[in-house]
Amino acid sequence: MTLSVPFDNSYARLGETFFARLAPTPVKAPKLIALNDALARELRISPDALCTPEGISMLAGNSVPEGADPLAQAYAGHQFGNFVPQLGDGRAHLLGEVVDTTGTRRDIQLKGSGRTPFSRMGDGRAWLGPVLREYIVSEAMHALGIPTTRALAAVETGETVTRETPLPGAVLTRIAASHIRVGTFQYFAVRGRTDAVRKLTDHVIGRHYRQDVQAGDALGLLRAVTGRQARLVARWMGAGFIHGVMNTDNCQIAGETIDYGPCAFIDAYDPAAVFSSIDLHGRYAYQNQPDMAVWNLAQFATSLLPLIDTDQDRAVEAATGVINGFTRAFRDEWLGVFRAKLGLHRAEDADAGLITGLLDCMARGQADFTNTFRGLAEGTARAQFAEPGDFDQWVREWAARGASEQVSEADRIALMRRHNPAYIPRNHQVERAITQALQGDYGWFFRLSEACSAPFTERPGYEDLTCPPKPEEAVRQTFCGT
């Protein structure tokens, strides 16, 4: 079967100011680990063709299919608050874009595909662990209904990657609405390239926001991006997800979750939880994520100021008004997410207090985040608390609030089951999948991926995947893939 990919590469048409054009570096002995058949069909690519030697060669970066225009994107970024004027794709190649079955334009990118002009001191490669982590977690996020990049395929390279120790290499094929970030705008703004910022602005509006923003309206673009970030971060909070590295180069303009390096899901609820090994001061802790989204958006706004108004004071005032609107937008989104998790169909002013009351009980009682919310529908939430006294009081308040709803208890339970997953990619289970894969056994990787592909439906035989880690299994640090 001949591989055919319907490429139509709009980013490559922006011009080489925006990227370095080069092909991936071939690998020694590519072997397919996993292929996302359903996603391939969405992209109008035959899964069977991707499983052929020709398809695997493309997924490994060993060959460039017809119509592709591989490139490494240029961008800058604030990393933990410190500005780096040149970052860029140091180990990734954008093969090109396709228009999927819904009419949506999407990037096909290889990660771990070799050095580029943006690699700095890096080797341009990825080892197996981060590739499997991103495959599992990004697909789980999609199943949870959280906007995210997707994983099309994972491939072994047959080569060794040297980190602290020699490790097997791998390549991930990542799918995104685009890979344009706040840092992409910063790259040109810091160089005084207003012409490039304008060109990028028009491209983003046309690609992601044409139904909401008029061409050339930079303030409208800022407003639209702010709204999507509010929705995204609210959904992270509702899943107990910690991104771990919310730098501006990881803040995607289309509003998807991008970069699954030191990410993690909370087990025992702690609002100050940090897992990332490089987040030494808790900048990106769970509870700080909304504030960090505002910080990132402020950097985006700064890049757009010359396009918002020729008078800088007026531009700053207008942009500040939009950024200040994030707090209200996020609060509305957050309330919507957590009302559904509590089985509440309509809004009341006291709901915020009811939600925070439960979260406070969970923090004091060291209750498992996912199992507590799932347990509200199943009648098992109380068992999650080391000391359930506070929870018992809260349940009485929740029951009174539920009684005020003009819906049946069955409808409330059904709502909770639709919004509170039974399965998430728990940190210790992801680590187990990686550890076993390093021994050549991908069984746990596929088992965990399968459970997380339908996270709201409990299935016999998967009960162990709902269990919090034992003390000796707990994962307290996660690491960047580089």
Protein backbone atom coordinates (compact mmCIF):
# COMPACT_ATOMS: atom_id res chain seq x y z
CA MET A 1 0.00 0.00 0.00
CA THR A 2 1.37 3.42 -1.00
CA LEU A 3 1.51 6.13 1.66
CA SER A 4 -0.36 9.32 0.77
CA VAL A 5 -0.48 12.35 3.07
CA PRO A 6 -2.60 15.32 1.86
CA PHE A 7 -0.18 18.08 2.86
CA ASP A 8 -1.07 21.77 2.48
CA ASN A 9 1.63 23.77 4.28
CA SER A 10 0.50 27.30 5.13
CA TYR A 11 3.16 28.01 7.78
CA ALA A 12 5.94 27.19 5.31
CA ARG A 13 4.49 29.86 3.01
CA LEU A 14 5.11 32.60 5.59
CA GLY A 15 8.78 32.71 4.61
CA GLU A 16 12.08 31.61 6.10
CA THR A 17 12.13 34.44 8.65
CA PHE A 18 9.83 32.18 10.66
CA PHE A 19 11.78 28.92 10.51
CA ALA A 20 14.80 26.98 9.33
CA ARG A 21 14.00 24.62 6.49
CA LEU A 22 15.68 21.20 6.89
CA ALA A 23 14.85 17.50 6.90
CA PRO A 24 14.89 15.21 9.94
CA THR A 25 18.01 13.16 10.63
CA PRO A 26 17.51 9.46 9.76
CA VAL A 27 17.74 6.83 12.48
CA LYS A 28 19.33 3.39 12.45
CA ALA A 29 16.53 0.87 12.82
CA PRO A 30 13.01 2.31 13.20
CA LYS A 31 10.35 0.09 14.72
CA LEU A 32 6.74 1.06 15.29
CA ILE A 33 5.64 0.98 18.93
CA ALA A 34 2.12 2.37 18.67
CA LEU A 35 -0.11 3.94 16.04
CA ASN A 36 -3.28 5.91 16.72
CA ASP A 37 -5.49 4.46 13.99
CA ALA A 38 -8.53 6.64 14.72
CA LEU A 39 -6.47 9.82 14.65
CA ALA A 40 -4.82 8.79 11.38
CA ARG A 41 -8.26 8.44 9.80
CA GLU A 42 -9.25 11.89 11.10
CA LEU A 43 -6.18 13.24 9.29
CA ARG A 44 -7.23 11.44 6.09
CA ILE A 45 -4.19 9.15 6.24
CA SER A 46 -4.47 5.38 5.92
CA PRO A 47 -3.41 3.60 9.14
CA ASP A 48 -2.48 0.55 7.09
CA ALA A 49 -0.14 2.67 4.96
CA LEU A 50 1.50 4.10 8.08
CA CYS A 51 2.29 0.55 9.24
CA THR A 52 4.21 -0.25 6.07
CA PRO A 53 7.99 0.23 5.86
CA GLU A 54 7.29 3.44 3.91
CA GLY A 55 4.99 4.76 6.63
CA ILE A 56 7.31 3.84 9.48
CA SER A 57 10.16 5.49 7.60
CA MET A 58 8.18 8.76 7.57
CA LEU A 59 7.23 8.47 11.25
CA ALA A 60 10.89 7.95 12.16
CA GLY A 61 12.13 10.86 10.04
CA ASN A 62 14.03 8.59 7.63
CA SER A 63 12.12 9.76 4.59
CA VAL A 64 10.20 12.87 3.59
CA PRO A 65 6.90 12.05 1.87
CA GLU A 66 5.66 13.86 -1.17
CA GLY A 67 4.12 17.24 -0.30
CA ALA A 68 5.94 17.62 3.02
CA ASP A 69 8.05 20.72 3.64
CA PRO A 70 10.00 19.94 6.83
CA LEU A 71 11.14 22.84 8.98
CA ALA A 72 12.09 23.84 12.53
CA GLN A 73 10.11 26.77 13.88
CA ALA A 74 11.77 29.80 15.45
CA TYR A 75 10.53 31.14 18.78
CA ALA A 76 11.73 32.76 21.98
CA GLY A 77 10.31 32.46 25.48
CA HIS A 78 10.28 33.26 29.15
CA GLN A 79 11.49 30.15 30.99
CA PHE A 80 10.62 30.31 34.69
CA GLY A 81 10.38 34.09 34.29
CA ASN A 82 13.73 34.53 32.53
CA PHE A 83 13.64 35.66 28.91
CA VAL A 84 15.58 33.68 26.31
CA PRO A 85 15.53 35.52 22.96
CA GLN A 86 16.15 32.42 20.84
CA LEU A 87 14.81 28.95 21.53
CA GLY A 88 13.06 27.27 18.60
CA ASP A 89 12.54 23.63 17.69
CA GLY A 90 15.77 22.08 18.85
CA ARG A 91 14.64 18.47 18.45
CA ALA A 92 11.53 18.67 16.33
CA HIS A 93 10.60 19.00 12.68
CA LEU A 94 7.25 20.20 11.37
CA LEU A 95 6.65 17.93 8.39
CA GLY A 96 3.68 19.96 7.23
CA GLU A 97 -0.05 20.45 7.63
CA VAL A 98 -3.16 18.58 6.60
CA VAL A 99 -6.83 19.55 6.60
CA ASP A 100 -8.68 16.85 8.53
CA THR A 101 -12.11 15.34 8.01
CA THR A 102 -13.77 18.21 9.91
CA GLY A 103 -12.06 20.88 7.80
CA THR A 104 -9.59 21.79 10.55
CA ARG A 105 -5.97 22.47 9.62
CA ARG A 106 -3.51 20.47 11.76
CA ASP A 107 0.26 20.19 12.05
CA ILE A 108 2.17 16.92 11.76
CA GLN A 109 5.41 17.23 13.74
CA LEU A 110 8.15 14.78 14.64
CA LYS A 111 9.73 15.09 18.12
CA GLY A 112 13.18 13.62 18.70
CA SER A 113 13.95 13.82 14.99
CA GLY A 114 17.45 15.30 15.11
CA ARG A 115 19.44 18.48 15.49
CA THR A 116 18.37 21.82 14.03
CA PRO A 117 19.90 25.32 14.04
CA PHE A 118 17.98 25.86 17.32
CA SER A 119 19.42 22.83 19.15
CA ARG A 120 22.08 24.81 21.05
CA MET A 121 23.98 22.11 22.99
CA GLY A 122 21.26 19.46 22.59
CA ASP A 123 21.50 16.28 20.56
CA GLY A 124 18.11 16.73 18.91
CA ARG A 125 16.91 13.35 20.11
CA ALA A 126 14.35 12.01 22.58
CA TRP A 127 14.62 8.95 24.73
CA LEU A 128 11.85 6.40 25.04
CA GLY A 129 10.42 7.53 28.41
CA PRO A 130 9.22 11.04 27.48
CA VAL A 131 7.82 9.76 24.19
CA LEU A 132 5.67 7.16 25.96
CA ARG A 133 4.66 9.70 28.64
CA GLU A 134 3.46 12.20 26.04
CA TYR A 135 1.65 9.51 24.07
CA ILE A 136 -0.23 8.27 27.16
CA VAL A 137 -0.97 11.62 28.77
CA SER A 138 -1.88 13.64 25.68
CA GLU A 139 -4.33 10.98 24.51
CA ALA A 140 -5.78 10.74 28.03
CA MET A 141 -6.25 14.51 28.08
CA HIS A 142 -8.11 14.31 24.78
CA ALA A 143 -10.39 11.61 26.18
CA LEU A 144 -11.02 13.81 29.23
CA GLY A 145 -12.23 16.57 26.92
CA ILE A 146 -9.28 18.89 27.56
CA PRO A 147 -7.88 20.70 24.49
CA THR A 148 -4.52 19.16 23.70
CA THR A 149 -1.99 18.18 21.11
CA ARG A 150 -2.39 14.55 20.07
CA ALA A 151 -0.10 11.56 19.59
CA LEU A 152 -0.26 9.87 16.20
CA ALA A 153 2.62 7.42 16.61
CA ALA A 154 5.61 6.37 18.67
CA VAL A 155 8.63 4.74 17.03
CA GLU A 156 11.78 3.16 18.42
CA THR A 157 14.90 4.41 16.64
CA GLY A 158 17.26 1.51 17.28
CA GLU A 159 19.77 4.04 18.58
CA THR A 160 21.02 5.02 22.02
CA VAL A 161 20.45 8.44 23.57
CA THR A 162 22.84 9.53 26.29
CA ARG A 163 21.36 11.34 29.27
CA GLU A 164 22.61 10.46 32.75
CA THR A 165 22.85 6.92 31.36
CA PRO A 166 22.52 5.37 27.89
CA LEU A 167 18.82 5.03 26.99
CA PRO A 168 16.88 3.79 23.97
CA GLY A 169 15.87 6.51 21.51
CA ALA A 170 12.39 7.16 20.16
CA VAL A 171 10.43 9.58 17.98
CA LEU A 172 6.91 10.86 18.66
CA THR A 173 4.62 12.07 15.90
CA ARG A 174 2.64 14.94 17.41
CA ILE A 175 -0.51 16.49 15.96
CA ALA A 176 -1.55 20.04 16.85
CA ALA A 177 -3.92 22.73 15.66
CA SER A 178 -0.61 24.55 15.24
CA HIS A 179 2.69 24.88 17.07
CA ILE A 180 2.53 28.69 17.27
CA ARG A 181 3.23 29.91 20.79
CA VAL A 182 3.39 33.15 22.74
CA GLY A 183 7.13 32.74 22.32
CA THR A 184 6.74 32.81 18.54
CA PHE A 185 5.40 36.35 18.78
CA GLN A 186 8.08 37.27 21.32
CA TYR A 187 10.82 36.12 18.94
CA PHE A 188 9.94 38.83 16.45
CA ALA A 189 8.76 41.51 18.89
CA VAL A 190 12.07 41.56 20.78
CA ARG A 191 13.87 42.05 17.46
CA GLY A 192 11.67 44.99 16.53
CA ARG A 193 10.16 43.04 13.62
CA THR A 194 6.68 44.55 13.74
CA ASP A 195 6.16 43.48 10.13
CA ALA A 196 6.68 39.84 11.11
CA VAL A 197 4.43 40.18 14.18
CA ARG A 198 1.72 41.58 11.89
CA LYS A 199 2.16 38.74 9.40
CA LEU A 200 2.01 36.17 12.20
CA THR A 201 -1.06 37.87 13.67
CA ASP A 202 -2.90 37.67 10.36
CA HIS A 203 -1.89 34.03 9.95
CA VAL A 204 -3.15 33.09 13.43
CA ILE A 205 -6.44 34.94 13.02
CA GLY A 206 -7.06 33.29 9.67
CA ARG A 207 -6.10 29.86 10.93
CA HIS A 208 -7.61 29.75 14.43
CA TYR A 209 -9.96 32.66 15.00
CA ARG A 210 -11.45 33.74 11.68
CA GLN A 211 -15.01 33.28 12.97
CA ASP A 212 -14.40 35.48 16.03
CA VAL A 213 -11.78 38.06 15.04
CA GLN A 214 -11.55 40.33 12.03
CA ALA A 215 -8.35 40.32 10.00
CA GLY A 216 -5.74 42.66 11.45
CA ASP A 217 -7.49 43.05 14.82
CA ALA A 218 -4.63 42.40 17.26
CA LEU A 219 -6.70 43.39 20.29
CA GLY A 220 -9.43 41.03 19.20
CA LEU A 221 -6.85 38.27 18.87
CA LEU A 222 -5.60 38.97 22.40
CA ARG A 223 -9.17 38.77 23.68
CA ALA A 224 -9.83 35.47 21.89
CA VAL A 225 -6.59 33.86 23.08
CA THR A 226 -7.33 35.02 26.64
CA GLY A 227 -10.71 33.31 26.52
CA ARG A 228 -9.23 30.03 25.29
CA GLN A 229 -6.53 30.06 27.94
CA ALA A 230 -9.16 30.63 30.64
CA ARG A 231 -11.12 27.61 29.42
CA LEU A 232 -8.01 25.48 29.12
CA VAL A 233 -6.59 26.16 32.57
CA ALA A 234 -10.00 25.72 34.21
CA ARG A 235 -10.15 22.24 32.70
CA TRP A 236 -6.65 21.46 33.93
CA MET A 237 -7.77 22.41 37.43
CA GLY A 238 -10.85 20.23 37.16
CA ALA A 239 -8.73 17.21 36.26
CA GLY A 240 -6.14 17.81 38.98
CA PHE A 241 -3.56 18.29 36.23
CA ILE A 242 -0.30 20.18 36.74
CA HIS A 243 1.42 21.22 33.53
CA GLY A 244 4.73 21.75 35.29
CA VAL A 245 6.43 24.04 32.79
CA MET A 246 4.10 26.91 31.82
CA ASN A 247 6.79 28.92 30.06
CA THR A 248 5.70 31.26 27.27
CA ASP A 249 7.23 28.91 24.71
CA ASN A 250 4.79 26.28 25.99
CA CYS A 251 1.74 28.56 25.85
CA GLN A 252 0.09 27.64 22.55
CA ILE A 253 -1.90 30.34 20.78
CA ALA A 254 -4.66 27.96 19.65
CA GLY A 255 -5.47 27.08 23.28
CA GLU A 256 -4.27 23.48 23.41
CA THR A 257 -2.15 21.84 26.08
CA ILE A 258 1.35 21.46 24.67
CA ASP A 259 4.55 19.92 26.06
CA TYR A 260 4.10 16.95 28.40
CA GLY A 261 7.52 17.02 30.03
CA PRO A 262 7.32 17.36 33.82
CA CYS A 263 3.52 17.16 33.95
CA ALA A 264 1.61 15.17 36.55
CA PHE A 265 -1.84 14.48 38.00
CA ILE A 266 -2.44 15.06 41.69
CA ASP A 267 -3.04 12.01 43.85
CA ALA A 268 -3.70 13.22 47.43
CA TYR A 269 -5.00 16.75 46.93
CA ASP A 270 -2.55 19.52 47.74
CA PRO A 271 -3.11 22.95 46.16
CA ALA A 272 0.62 23.70 46.46
CA ALA A 273 1.63 20.47 44.71
CA VAL A 274 4.70 20.66 42.47
CA PHE A 275 6.20 17.69 40.65
CA SER A 276 8.61 19.24 38.17
CA SER A 277 12.22 18.64 39.20
CA ILE A 278 13.22 22.04 37.81
CA ASP A 279 10.45 24.07 39.48
CA LEU A 280 12.46 24.73 42.61
CA HIS A 281 10.27 27.54 43.95
CA GLY A 282 6.81 26.30 43.00
CA ARG A 283 6.21 28.87 40.27
CA TYR A 284 3.97 26.44 38.38
CA ALA A 285 2.29 24.73 41.34
CA TYR A 286 -1.29 23.55 40.86
CA GLN A 287 -2.82 26.56 42.58
CA ASN A 288 -0.61 29.03 40.68
CA GLN A 289 -1.61 27.95 37.18
CA PRO A 290 -4.31 30.62 36.65
CA ASP A 291 -1.91 33.39 37.72
CA MET A 292 0.80 32.03 35.44
CA ALA A 293 -1.64 32.02 32.52
CA VAL A 294 -2.23 35.74 33.16
CA TRP A 295 1.53 36.32 33.26
CA ASN A 296 1.97 34.56 29.92
CA LEU A 297 -0.88 36.51 28.37
CA ALA A 298 0.70 39.75 29.52
CA GLN A 299 3.85 38.81 27.60
CA PHE A 300 1.69 38.07 24.55
CA ALA A 301 0.01 41.45 24.91
CA THR A 302 3.38 43.18 25.10
CA SER A 303 4.35 41.65 21.75
CA LEU A 304 1.14 42.93 20.17
CA LEU A 305 1.24 46.52 21.49
CA PRO A 306 2.49 48.17 18.26
CA LEU A 307 -0.41 46.56 16.39
CA ILE A 308 -3.05 47.46 18.97
CA ASP A 309 -2.48 51.23 18.79
CA THR A 310 0.24 53.52 17.49
CA ASP A 311 -0.01 55.42 20.76
CA GLN A 312 1.74 53.20 23.31
CA ASP A 313 -0.23 54.49 26.31
CA ARG A 314 -3.54 53.75 24.59
CA ALA A 315 -2.24 50.34 23.50
CA VAL A 316 -1.19 49.46 27.05
CA GLU A 317 -4.53 50.60 28.46
CA ALA A 318 -6.51 48.55 25.94
CA ALA A 319 -4.38 45.44 26.38
CA THR A 320 -4.50 45.72 30.17
CA GLY A 321 -8.27 45.80 30.04
CA VAL A 322 -8.33 42.54 28.11
CA ILE A 323 -5.81 40.83 30.39
CA ASN A 324 -7.72 41.94 33.47
CA GLY A 325 -10.73 40.17 32.02
CA PHE A 326 -9.01 36.80 32.41
CA THR A 327 -9.88 36.59 36.11
CA ARG A 328 -13.63 36.80 35.50
CA ALA A 329 -13.47 34.50 32.47
CA PHE A 330 -11.44 31.92 34.35
CA ARG A 331 -13.71 32.05 37.40
CA ASP A 332 -16.79 31.46 35.23
CA GLU A 333 -15.10 28.54 33.48
CA TRP A 334 -13.81 27.09 36.76
CA LEU A 335 -17.25 27.30 38.34
CA GLY A 336 -18.77 25.56 35.33
CA VAL A 337 -16.23 22.75 35.49
CA PHE A 338 -16.65 22.12 39.21
CA ARG A 339 -20.43 22.53 39.27
CA ALA A 340 -20.63 19.66 36.80
CA LYS A 341 -18.25 17.62 38.96
CA LEU A 342 -20.66 18.14 41.88
CA GLY A 343 -23.71 17.27 39.79
CA LEU A 344 -25.11 20.81 39.79
CA HIS A 345 -27.07 21.80 36.71
CA ARG A 346 -27.70 25.46 37.50
CA ALA A 347 -25.70 28.26 39.08
CA GLU A 348 -26.09 29.77 42.53
CA ASP A 349 -23.97 32.49 44.10
CA ALA A 350 -22.89 30.24 46.98
CA ASP A 351 -21.47 27.55 44.70
CA ALA A 352 -17.91 28.87 44.85
CA GLY A 353 -17.92 28.44 48.61
CA LEU A 354 -19.33 24.93 48.32
CA ILE A 355 -16.60 23.95 45.85
CA THR A 356 -13.73 25.45 47.83
CA GLY A 357 -15.19 23.92 50.98
CA LEU A 358 -14.79 20.44 49.51
CA LEU A 359 -11.29 21.19 48.22
CA ASP A 360 -10.28 22.45 51.67
CA CYS A 361 -11.64 19.25 53.25
CA MET A 362 -9.70 17.20 50.71
CA ALA A 363 -6.46 19.04 51.46
CA ARG A 364 -6.85 18.57 55.21
CA GLY A 365 -7.96 14.96 54.83
CA GLN A 366 -5.29 14.01 52.24
CA ALA A 367 -8.05 12.74 50.01
CA ASP A 368 -7.31 11.45 46.53
CA PHE A 369 -8.44 14.08 44.01
CA THR A 370 -9.80 11.81 41.29
CA ASN A 371 -11.36 9.17 43.54
CA THR A 372 -13.05 11.71 45.80
CA PHE A 373 -14.92 13.36 42.95
CA ARG A 374 -15.73 10.04 41.28
CA GLY A 375 -16.84 8.74 44.67
CA LEU A 376 -19.46 11.47 45.04
CA ALA A 377 -21.52 9.68 42.42
CA GLU A 378 -20.69 6.20 43.66
CA GLY A 379 -21.16 6.84 47.40
CA THR A 380 -17.51 6.01 48.15
CA ALA A 381 -15.98 9.45 48.59
CA ARG A 382 -15.90 9.31 52.41
CA ALA A 383 -13.40 6.42 52.29
CA GLN A 384 -10.83 8.76 50.72
CA PHE A 385 -10.46 10.84 53.89
CA ALA A 386 -8.04 10.04 56.68
CA GLU A 387 -10.32 12.04 59.02
CA PRO A 388 -13.81 12.32 57.48
CA GLY A 389 -15.44 14.61 60.03
CA ASP A 390 -15.11 17.77 57.94
CA PHE A 391 -16.27 15.91 54.87
CA ASP A 392 -19.40 14.67 56.66
CA GLN A 393 -20.36 18.26 57.44
CA TRP A 394 -19.70 19.29 53.85
CA VAL A 395 -21.87 16.44 52.51
CA ARG A 396 -24.84 17.82 54.42
CA GLU A 397 -24.36 21.21 52.74
CA TRP A 398 -23.96 19.56 49.35
CA ALA A 399 -27.09 17.46 49.84
CA ALA A 400 -29.09 20.57 50.71
CA ARG A 401 -27.76 22.33 47.62
CA GLY A 402 -28.60 19.29 45.48
CA ALA A 403 -32.13 19.20 46.84
CA SER A 404 -32.66 22.70 45.43
CA GLU A 405 -31.98 21.43 41.89
CA GLN A 406 -35.04 20.80 39.75
CA VAL A 407 -33.61 17.55 38.42
CA SER A 408 -33.70 13.99 39.65
CA GLU A 409 -30.92 12.42 41.69
CA ALA A 410 -30.32 10.02 38.81
CA ASP A 411 -29.70 12.96 36.49
CA ARG A 412 -27.29 14.52 38.96
CA ILE A 413 -25.37 11.25 39.31
CA ALA A 414 -25.24 10.87 35.53
CA LEU A 415 -23.79 14.39 35.23
CA MET A 416 -21.11 13.58 37.79
CA ARG A 417 -20.18 10.35 36.05
CA ARG A 418 -19.76 12.25 32.78
CA HIS A 419 -17.38 14.76 34.37
CA ASN A 420 -15.46 12.77 36.97
CA PRO A 421 -13.18 10.14 35.44
CA ALA A 422 -12.54 6.72 36.91
CA TYR A 423 -9.18 6.51 35.12
CA ILE A 424 -6.40 9.01 34.73
CA PRO A 425 -2.75 8.36 33.81
CA ARG A 426 -1.57 8.30 37.40
CA ASN A 427 2.08 9.18 37.77
CA HIS A 428 3.16 5.84 39.20
CA GLN A 429 1.32 3.94 36.48
CA VAL A 430 3.01 6.00 33.76
CA GLU A 431 6.37 5.29 35.39
CA ARG A 432 5.55 1.59 35.47
CA ALA A 433 4.73 1.66 31.76
CA ILE A 434 8.08 3.33 31.02
CA THR A 435 10.07 1.02 33.29
CA GLN A 436 8.60 -2.09 31.69
CA ALA A 437 9.06 -0.68 28.19
CA LEU A 438 12.76 -0.24 28.90
CA GLN A 439 12.81 -4.02 29.39
CA GLY A 440 11.05 -4.53 26.06
CA ASP A 441 7.57 -5.08 27.53
CA TYR A 442 4.91 -2.63 26.28
CA GLY A 443 1.99 -4.43 27.91
CA TRP A 444 1.44 -1.89 30.67
CA PHE A 445 1.76 1.01 28.20
CA PHE A 446 -1.08 -0.41 26.11
CA ARG A 447 -3.18 -1.37 29.14
CA LEU A 448 -2.95 2.10 30.67
CA SER A 449 -3.57 3.77 27.31
CA GLU A 450 -6.66 1.65 26.75
CA ALA A 451 -8.16 2.45 30.16
CA CYS A 452 -7.51 6.17 29.75
CA SER A 453 -9.04 6.22 26.27
CA ALA A 454 -12.49 5.84 27.90
CA PRO A 455 -11.89 7.42 31.31
CA PHE A 456 -15.50 7.84 32.42
CA THR A 457 -16.54 4.21 31.90
CA GLU A 458 -15.58 1.69 34.56
CA ARG A 459 -14.63 -1.71 33.19
CA PRO A 460 -14.01 -5.02 34.94
CA GLY A 461 -10.35 -5.92 35.22
CA TYR A 462 -9.06 -2.36 35.46
CA GLU A 463 -9.79 -1.70 39.13
CA ASP A 464 -6.09 -1.52 40.01
CA LEU A 465 -5.66 1.51 37.73
CA THR A 466 -8.01 3.52 39.96
CA CYS A 467 -5.88 3.00 43.08
CA PRO A 468 -3.67 5.77 44.47
CA PRO A 469 -0.01 4.83 44.80
CA LYS A 470 1.27 2.98 47.81
CA PRO A 471 3.88 5.01 49.74
CA GLU A 472 6.73 3.19 47.99
CA GLU A 473 5.09 3.80 44.57
CA ALA A 474 4.51 7.53 44.92
CA VAL A 475 6.12 9.71 42.24
CA ARG A 476 7.29 12.96 43.79
CA GLN A 477 9.29 14.37 40.87
CA THR A 478 8.81 14.41 37.12
CA PHE A 479 11.39 15.46 34.57
CA CYS A 480 11.73 17.31 31.27
CA GLY A 481 12.25 15.13 28.24
CA THR A 482 15.50 16.86 27.37
